[in-house]
Amino acid sequence: VPLDRIMSGLDDMERHYVDAGQGLAP
């Protein structure tokens, strides 16, 4: 799995947490 895909997955996770109104500790 390319590293850029891994990092974009983390960005996607952050977007979903923000949209859901969740804190970012996870």
PDB file of all heavy atoms in Angstrom:
ATOM      1  N   VAL A   1       0.847  -1.190   0.000  1.00  0.00           N
ATOM      2  CA  VAL A   1       0.000   0.000   0.000  1.00  0.00           C
ATOM      3  C   VAL A   1       0.888   1.247   0.000  1.00  0.00           C
ATOM      4  O   VAL A   1       1.714   1.424   0.897  1.00  0.00           O
ATOM      5  CB  VAL A   1      -0.938   0.005   1.221  1.00  0.00           C
ATOM      6  CG1 VAL A   1      -1.813   1.255   1.209  1.00  0.00           C
ATOM      7  CG2 VAL A   1      -1.800  -1.254   1.235  1.00  0.00           C
ATOM      8  N   PRO A   2       0.739   2.139  -0.981  1.00  0.00           N
ATOM      9  CA  PRO A   2       1.595   3.332  -1.038  1.00  0.00           C
ATOM     10  C   PRO A   2       1.385   4.234   0.174  1.00  0.00           C
ATOM     11  O   PRO A   2       0.281   4.340   0.720  1.00  0.00           O
ATOM     12  CB  PRO A   2       1.138   4.037  -2.326  1.00  0.00           C
ATOM     13  CG  PRO A   2       0.429   2.991  -3.124  1.00  0.00           C
ATOM     14  CD  PRO A   2      -0.197   2.062  -2.124  1.00  0.00           C
ATOM     15  N   LEU A   3       2.454   4.917   0.571  1.00  0.00           N
ATOM     16  CA  LEU A   3       2.389   5.784   1.743  1.00  0.00           C
ATOM     17  C   LEU A   3       1.397   6.921   1.537  1.00  0.00           C
ATOM     18  O   LEU A   3       0.698   7.309   2.479  1.00  0.00           O
ATOM     19  CB  LEU A   3       3.778   6.346   2.059  1.00  0.00           C
ATOM     20  CG  LEU A   3       3.887   7.246   3.298  1.00  0.00           C
ATOM     21  CD1 LEU A   3       3.429   6.512   4.557  1.00  0.00           C
ATOM     22  CD2 LEU A   3       5.319   7.743   3.459  1.00  0.00           C
ATOM     23  N   ASP A   4       1.316   7.462   0.324  1.00  0.00           N
ATOM     24  CA  ASP A   4       0.385   8.575   0.119  1.00  0.00           C
ATOM     25  C   ASP A   4      -1.066   8.138   0.310  1.00  0.00           C
ATOM     26  O   ASP A   4      -1.905   8.914   0.777  1.00  0.00           O
ATOM     27  CB  ASP A   4       0.580   9.228  -1.257  1.00  0.00           C
ATOM     28  CG  ASP A   4       0.406   8.250  -2.414  1.00  0.00           C
ATOM     29  OD1 ASP A   4       0.249   7.038  -2.172  1.00  0.00           O
ATOM     30  OD2 ASP A   4       0.440   8.704  -3.576  1.00  0.00           O
ATOM     31  N   ARG A   5      -1.364   6.879   0.014  1.00  0.00           N
ATOM     32  CA  ARG A   5      -2.716   6.372   0.259  1.00  0.00           C
ATOM     33  C   ARG A   5      -2.976   6.262   1.769  1.00  0.00           C
ATOM     34  O   ARG A   5      -4.075   6.551   2.242  1.00  0.00           O
ATOM     35  CB  ARG A   5      -2.913   5.016  -0.407  1.00  0.00           C
ATOM     36  CG  ARG A   5      -4.297   4.435  -0.153  1.00  0.00           C
ATOM     37  CD  ARG A   5      -4.508   3.108  -0.837  1.00  0.00           C
ATOM     38  NE  ARG A   5      -5.757   2.485  -0.410  1.00  0.00           N
ATOM     39  CZ  ARG A   5      -6.162   1.276  -0.779  1.00  0.00           C
ATOM     40  NH1 ARG A   5      -5.420   0.552  -1.599  1.00  0.00           N
ATOM     41  NH2 ARG A   5      -7.307   0.793  -0.341  1.00  0.00           N
ATOM     42  N   ILE A   6      -1.954   5.841   2.503  1.00  0.00           N
ATOM     43  CA  ILE A   6      -2.111   5.755   3.956  1.00  0.00           C
ATOM     44  C   ILE A   6      -2.385   7.130   4.547  1.00  0.00           C
ATOM     45  O   ILE A   6      -3.293   7.312   5.376  1.00  0.00           O
ATOM     46  CB  ILE A   6      -0.845   5.138   4.578  1.00  0.00           C
ATOM     47  CG1 ILE A   6      -0.666   3.693   4.101  1.00  0.00           C
ATOM     48  CG2 ILE A   6      -0.904   5.191   6.097  1.00  0.00           C
ATOM     49  CD1 ILE A   6       0.659   3.066   4.500  1.00  0.00           C
ATOM     50  N   MET A   7      -1.619   8.134   4.119  1.00  0.00           N
ATOM     51  CA  MET A   7      -1.794   9.472   4.665  1.00  0.00           C
ATOM     52  C   MET A   7      -3.134  10.066   4.247  1.00  0.00           C
ATOM     53  O   MET A   7      -3.783  10.765   5.040  1.00  0.00           O
ATOM     54  CB  MET A   7      -0.640  10.375   4.219  1.00  0.00           C
ATOM     55  CG  MET A   7       0.747   9.861   4.608  1.00  0.00           C
ATOM     56  SD  MET A   7       0.908   9.321   6.341  1.00  0.00           S
ATOM     57  CE  MET A   7       0.700  10.882   7.193  1.00  0.00           C
ATOM     58  N   SER A   8      -3.572   9.802   3.036  1.00  0.00           N
ATOM     59  CA  SER A   8      -4.878  10.307   2.618  1.00  0.00           C
ATOM     60  C   SER A   8      -5.997   9.630   3.393  1.00  0.00           C
ATOM     61  O   SER A   8      -7.043  10.240   3.671  1.00  0.00           O
ATOM     62  CB  SER A   8      -5.078  10.118   1.110  1.00  0.00           C
ATOM     63  OG  SER A   8      -5.175   8.741   0.770  1.00  0.00           O
ATOM     64  N   GLY A   9      -5.776   8.363   3.787  1.00  0.00           N
ATOM     65  CA  GLY A   9      -6.749   7.675   4.621  1.00  0.00           C
ATOM     66  C   GLY A   9      -6.888   8.347   5.980  1.00  0.00           C
ATOM     67  O   GLY A   9      -7.994   8.464   6.520  1.00  0.00           O
ATOM     68  N   LEU A  10      -5.763   8.807   6.546  1.00  0.00           N
ATOM     69  CA  LEU A  10      -5.821   9.537   7.814  1.00  0.00           C
ATOM     70  C   LEU A  10      -6.560  10.862   7.653  1.00  0.00           C
ATOM     71  O   LEU A  10      -7.349  11.261   8.520  1.00  0.00           O
ATOM     72  CB  LEU A  10      -4.410   9.785   8.333  1.00  0.00           C
ATOM     73  CG  LEU A  10      -3.675   8.569   8.892  1.00  0.00           C
ATOM     74  CD1 LEU A  10      -2.188   8.869   9.047  1.00  0.00           C
ATOM     75  CD2 LEU A  10      -4.271   8.144  10.231  1.00  0.00           C
ATOM     76  N   ASP A  11      -6.319  11.543   6.532  1.00  0.00           N
ATOM     77  CA  ASP A  11      -7.038  12.795   6.274  1.00  0.00           C
ATOM     78  C   ASP A  11      -8.537  12.537   6.140  1.00  0.00           C
ATOM     79  O   ASP A  11      -9.364  13.315   6.629  1.00  0.00           O
ATOM     80  CB  ASP A  11      -6.504  13.459   5.010  1.00  0.00           C
ATOM     81  CG  ASP A  11      -5.072  13.950   5.159  1.00  0.00           C
ATOM     82  OD1 ASP A  11      -4.609  14.133   6.306  1.00  0.00           O
ATOM     83  OD2 ASP A  11      -4.399  14.140   4.117  1.00  0.00           O
ATOM     84  N   ASP A  12      -8.881  11.455   5.464  1.00  0.00           N
ATOM     85  CA  ASP A  12     -10.290  11.089   5.299  1.00  0.00           C
ATOM     86  C   ASP A  12     -10.921  10.786   6.652  1.00  0.00           C
ATOM     87  O   ASP A  12     -12.061  11.181   6.937  1.00  0.00           O
ATOM     88  CB  ASP A  12     -10.400   9.876   4.370  1.00  0.00           C
ATOM     89  CG  ASP A  12     -11.812   9.660   3.864  1.00  0.00           C
ATOM     90  OD1 ASP A  12     -12.538  10.657   3.684  1.00  0.00           O
ATOM     91  OD2 ASP A  12     -12.189   8.494   3.631  1.00  0.00           O
ATOM     92  N   MET A  13     -10.193  10.075   7.498  1.00  0.00           N
ATOM     93  CA  MET A  13     -10.678   9.792   8.848  1.00  0.00           C
ATOM     94  C   MET A  13     -10.950  11.095   9.597  1.00  0.00           C
ATOM     95  O   MET A  13     -12.008  11.243  10.240  1.00  0.00           O
ATOM     96  CB  MET A  13      -9.635   8.959   9.592  1.00  0.00           C
ATOM     97  CG  MET A  13      -9.985   8.645  11.037  1.00  0.00           C
ATOM     98  SD  MET A  13      -8.627   7.744  11.856  1.00  0.00           S
ATOM     99  CE  MET A  13      -9.325   7.503  13.501  1.00  0.00           C
ATOM    100  N   GLU A  14     -10.022  12.041   9.518  1.00  0.00           N
ATOM    101  CA  GLU A  14     -10.207  13.299  10.223  1.00  0.00           C
ATOM    102  C   GLU A  14     -11.436  14.043   9.716  1.00  0.00           C
ATOM    103  O   GLU A  14     -12.223  14.592  10.512  1.00  0.00           O
ATOM    104  CB  GLU A  14      -8.960  14.180  10.084  1.00  0.00           C
ATOM    105  CG  GLU A  14      -9.062  15.480  10.848  1.00  0.00           C
ATOM    106  CD  GLU A  14      -7.729  16.212  10.963  1.00  0.00           C
ATOM    107  OE1 GLU A  14      -6.670  15.581  10.746  1.00  0.00           O
ATOM    108  OE2 GLU A  14      -7.753  17.417  11.291  1.00  0.00           O
ATOM    109  N   ARG A  15     -11.649  14.062   8.408  1.00  0.00           N
ATOM    110  CA  ARG A  15     -12.821  14.733   7.851  1.00  0.00           C
ATOM    111  C   ARG A  15     -14.113  14.119   8.381  1.00  0.00           C
ATOM    112  O   ARG A  15     -15.050  14.836   8.761  1.00  0.00           O
ATOM    113  CB  ARG A  15     -12.801  14.653   6.325  1.00  0.00           C
ATOM    114  CG  ARG A  15     -11.836  15.625   5.651  1.00  0.00           C
ATOM    115  CD  ARG A  15     -12.097  15.724   4.165  1.00  0.00           C
ATOM    116  NE  ARG A  15     -11.874  14.445   3.487  1.00  0.00           N
ATOM    117  CZ  ARG A  15     -10.699  14.055   3.008  1.00  0.00           C
ATOM    118  NH1 ARG A  15      -9.632  14.833   3.150  1.00  0.00           N
ATOM    119  NH2 ARG A  15     -10.574  12.891   2.390  1.00  0.00           N
ATOM    120  N   HIS A  16     -14.160  12.786   8.422  1.00  0.00           N
ATOM    121  CA  HIS A  16     -15.363  12.126   8.896  1.00  0.00           C
ATOM    122  C   HIS A  16     -15.601  12.415  10.381  1.00  0.00           C
ATOM    123  O   HIS A  16     -16.749  12.600  10.814  1.00  0.00           O
ATOM    124  CB  HIS A  16     -15.278  10.621   8.660  1.00  0.00           C
ATOM    125  CG  HIS A  16     -15.649  10.205   7.263  1.00  0.00           C
ATOM    126  ND1 HIS A  16     -14.766  10.256   6.215  1.00  0.00           N
ATOM    127  CD2 HIS A  16     -16.822   9.748   6.751  1.00  0.00           C
ATOM    128  CE1 HIS A  16     -15.354   9.833   5.124  1.00  0.00           C
ATOM    129  NE2 HIS A  16     -16.606   9.518   5.416  1.00  0.00           N
ATOM    130  N   TYR A  17     -14.548  12.465  11.170  1.00  0.00           N
ATOM    131  CA  TYR A  17     -14.710  12.764  12.596  1.00  0.00           C
ATOM    132  C   TYR A  17     -15.187  14.198  12.797  1.00  0.00           C
ATOM    133  O   TYR A  17     -16.064  14.462  13.644  1.00  0.00           O
ATOM    134  CB  TYR A  17     -13.393  12.530  13.335  1.00  0.00           C
ATOM    135  CG  TYR A  17     -13.212  11.120  13.832  1.00  0.00           C
ATOM    136  CD1 TYR A  17     -13.219  10.032  12.964  1.00  0.00           C
ATOM    137  CD2 TYR A  17     -13.028  10.855  15.181  1.00  0.00           C
ATOM    138  CE1 TYR A  17     -13.051   8.731  13.422  1.00  0.00           C
ATOM    139  CE2 TYR A  17     -12.855   9.557  15.660  1.00  0.00           C
ATOM    140  CZ  TYR A  17     -12.870   8.502  14.761  1.00  0.00           C
ATOM    141  OH  TYR A  17     -12.713   7.222  15.223  1.00  0.00           O
ATOM    142  N   VAL A  18     -14.623  15.126  12.045  1.00  0.00           N
ATOM    143  CA  VAL A  18     -15.054  16.521  12.155  1.00  0.00           C
ATOM    144  C   VAL A  18     -16.516  16.655  11.738  1.00  0.00           C
ATOM    145  O   VAL A  18     -17.325  17.297  12.427  1.00  0.00           O
ATOM    146  CB  VAL A  18     -14.150  17.434  11.307  1.00  0.00           C
ATOM    147  CG1 VAL A  18     -14.733  18.836  11.215  1.00  0.00           C
ATOM    148  CG2 VAL A  18     -12.743  17.493  11.905  1.00  0.00           C
ATOM    149  N   ASP A  19     -16.875  16.045  10.617  1.00  0.00           N
ATOM    150  CA  ASP A  19     -18.257  16.131  10.137  1.00  0.00           C
ATOM    151  C   ASP A  19     -19.244  15.536  11.136  1.00  0.00           C
ATOM    152  O   ASP A  19     -20.391  15.981  11.239  1.00  0.00           O
ATOM    153  CB  ASP A  19     -18.398  15.409   8.793  1.00  0.00           C
ATOM    154  CG  ASP A  19     -17.693  16.138   7.655  1.00  0.00           C
ATOM    155  OD1 ASP A  19     -17.338  17.324   7.852  1.00  0.00           O
ATOM    156  OD2 ASP A  19     -17.490  15.525   6.594  1.00  0.00           O
ATOM    157  N   ALA A  20     -18.793  14.501  11.876  1.00  0.00           N
ATOM    158  CA  ALA A  20     -19.660  13.858  12.863  1.00  0.00           C
ATOM    159  C   ALA A  20     -19.628  14.561  14.212  1.00  0.00           C
ATOM    160  O   ALA A  20     -20.304  14.126  15.156  1.00  0.00           O
ATOM    161  CB  ALA A  20     -19.256  12.392  13.029  1.00  0.00           C
ATOM    162  N   GLY A  21     -18.850  15.657  14.323  1.00  0.00           N
ATOM    163  CA  GLY A  21     -18.776  16.394  15.574  1.00  0.00           C
ATOM    164  C   GLY A  21     -18.006  15.673  16.659  1.00  0.00           C
ATOM    165  O   GLY A  21     -18.241  15.913  17.850  1.00  0.00           O
ATOM    166  N   GLN A  22     -17.074  14.815  16.266  1.00  0.00           N
ATOM    167  CA  GLN A  22     -16.309  14.029  17.231  1.00  0.00           C
ATOM    168  C   GLN A  22     -14.956  14.676  17.527  1.00  0.00           C
ATOM    169  O   GLN A  22     -14.356  15.320  16.667  1.00  0.00           O
ATOM    170  CB  GLN A  22     -16.074  12.609  16.689  1.00  0.00           C
ATOM    171  CG  GLN A  22     -17.338  11.807  16.497  1.00  0.00           C
ATOM    172  CD  GLN A  22     -18.012  11.463  17.817  1.00  0.00           C
ATOM    173  OE1 GLN A  22     -17.357  11.299  18.843  1.00  0.00           O
ATOM    174  NE2 GLN A  22     -19.331  11.334  17.784  1.00  0.00           N
ATOM    175  N   GLY A  23     -14.471  14.478  18.749  1.00  0.00           N
ATOM    176  CA  GLY A  23     -13.132  14.932  19.093  1.00  0.00           C
ATOM    177  C   GLY A  23     -12.074  14.179  18.312  1.00  0.00           C
ATOM    178  O   GLY A  23     -12.308  13.059  17.819  1.00  0.00           O
ATOM    179  N   LEU A  24     -10.884  14.762  18.212  1.00  0.00           N
ATOM    180  CA  LEU A  24      -9.866  14.231  17.302  1.00  0.00           C
ATOM    181  C   LEU A  24      -8.807  13.377  17.986  1.00  0.00           C
ATOM    182  O   LEU A  24      -7.840  12.966  17.332  1.00  0.00           O
ATOM    183  CB  LEU A  24      -9.184  15.384  16.559  1.00  0.00           C
ATOM    184  CG  LEU A  24     -10.073  16.146  15.578  1.00  0.00           C
ATOM    185  CD1 LEU A  24      -9.270  17.237  14.878  1.00  0.00           C
ATOM    186  CD2 LEU A  24     -10.699  15.215  14.549  1.00  0.00           C
ATOM    187  N   ALA A  25      -8.954  13.074  19.264  1.00  0.00           N
ATOM    188  CA  ALA A  25      -7.939  12.251  19.924  1.00  0.00           C
ATOM    189  C   ALA A  25      -7.714  10.913  19.205  1.00  0.00           C
ATOM    190  O   ALA A  25      -6.554  10.497  19.030  1.00  0.00           O
ATOM    191  CB  ALA A  25      -8.312  12.011  21.389  1.00  0.00           C
ATOM    192  N   PRO A  26      -8.759  10.192  18.764  1.00  0.00           N
ATOM    193  CA  PRO A  26      -8.507   8.934  18.039  1.00  0.00           C
ATOM    194  C   PRO A  26      -7.753   9.150  16.727  1.00  0.00           C
ATOM    195  O   PRO A  26      -6.957   8.302  16.326  1.00  0.00           O
ATOM    196  CB  PRO A  26      -9.906   8.381  17.792  1.00  0.00           C
ATOM    197  CG  PRO A  26     -10.764   9.005  18.856  1.00  0.00           C
ATOM    198  CD  PRO A  26     -10.205  10.382  19.018  1.00  0.00           C
TER     199      PRO A  26
END
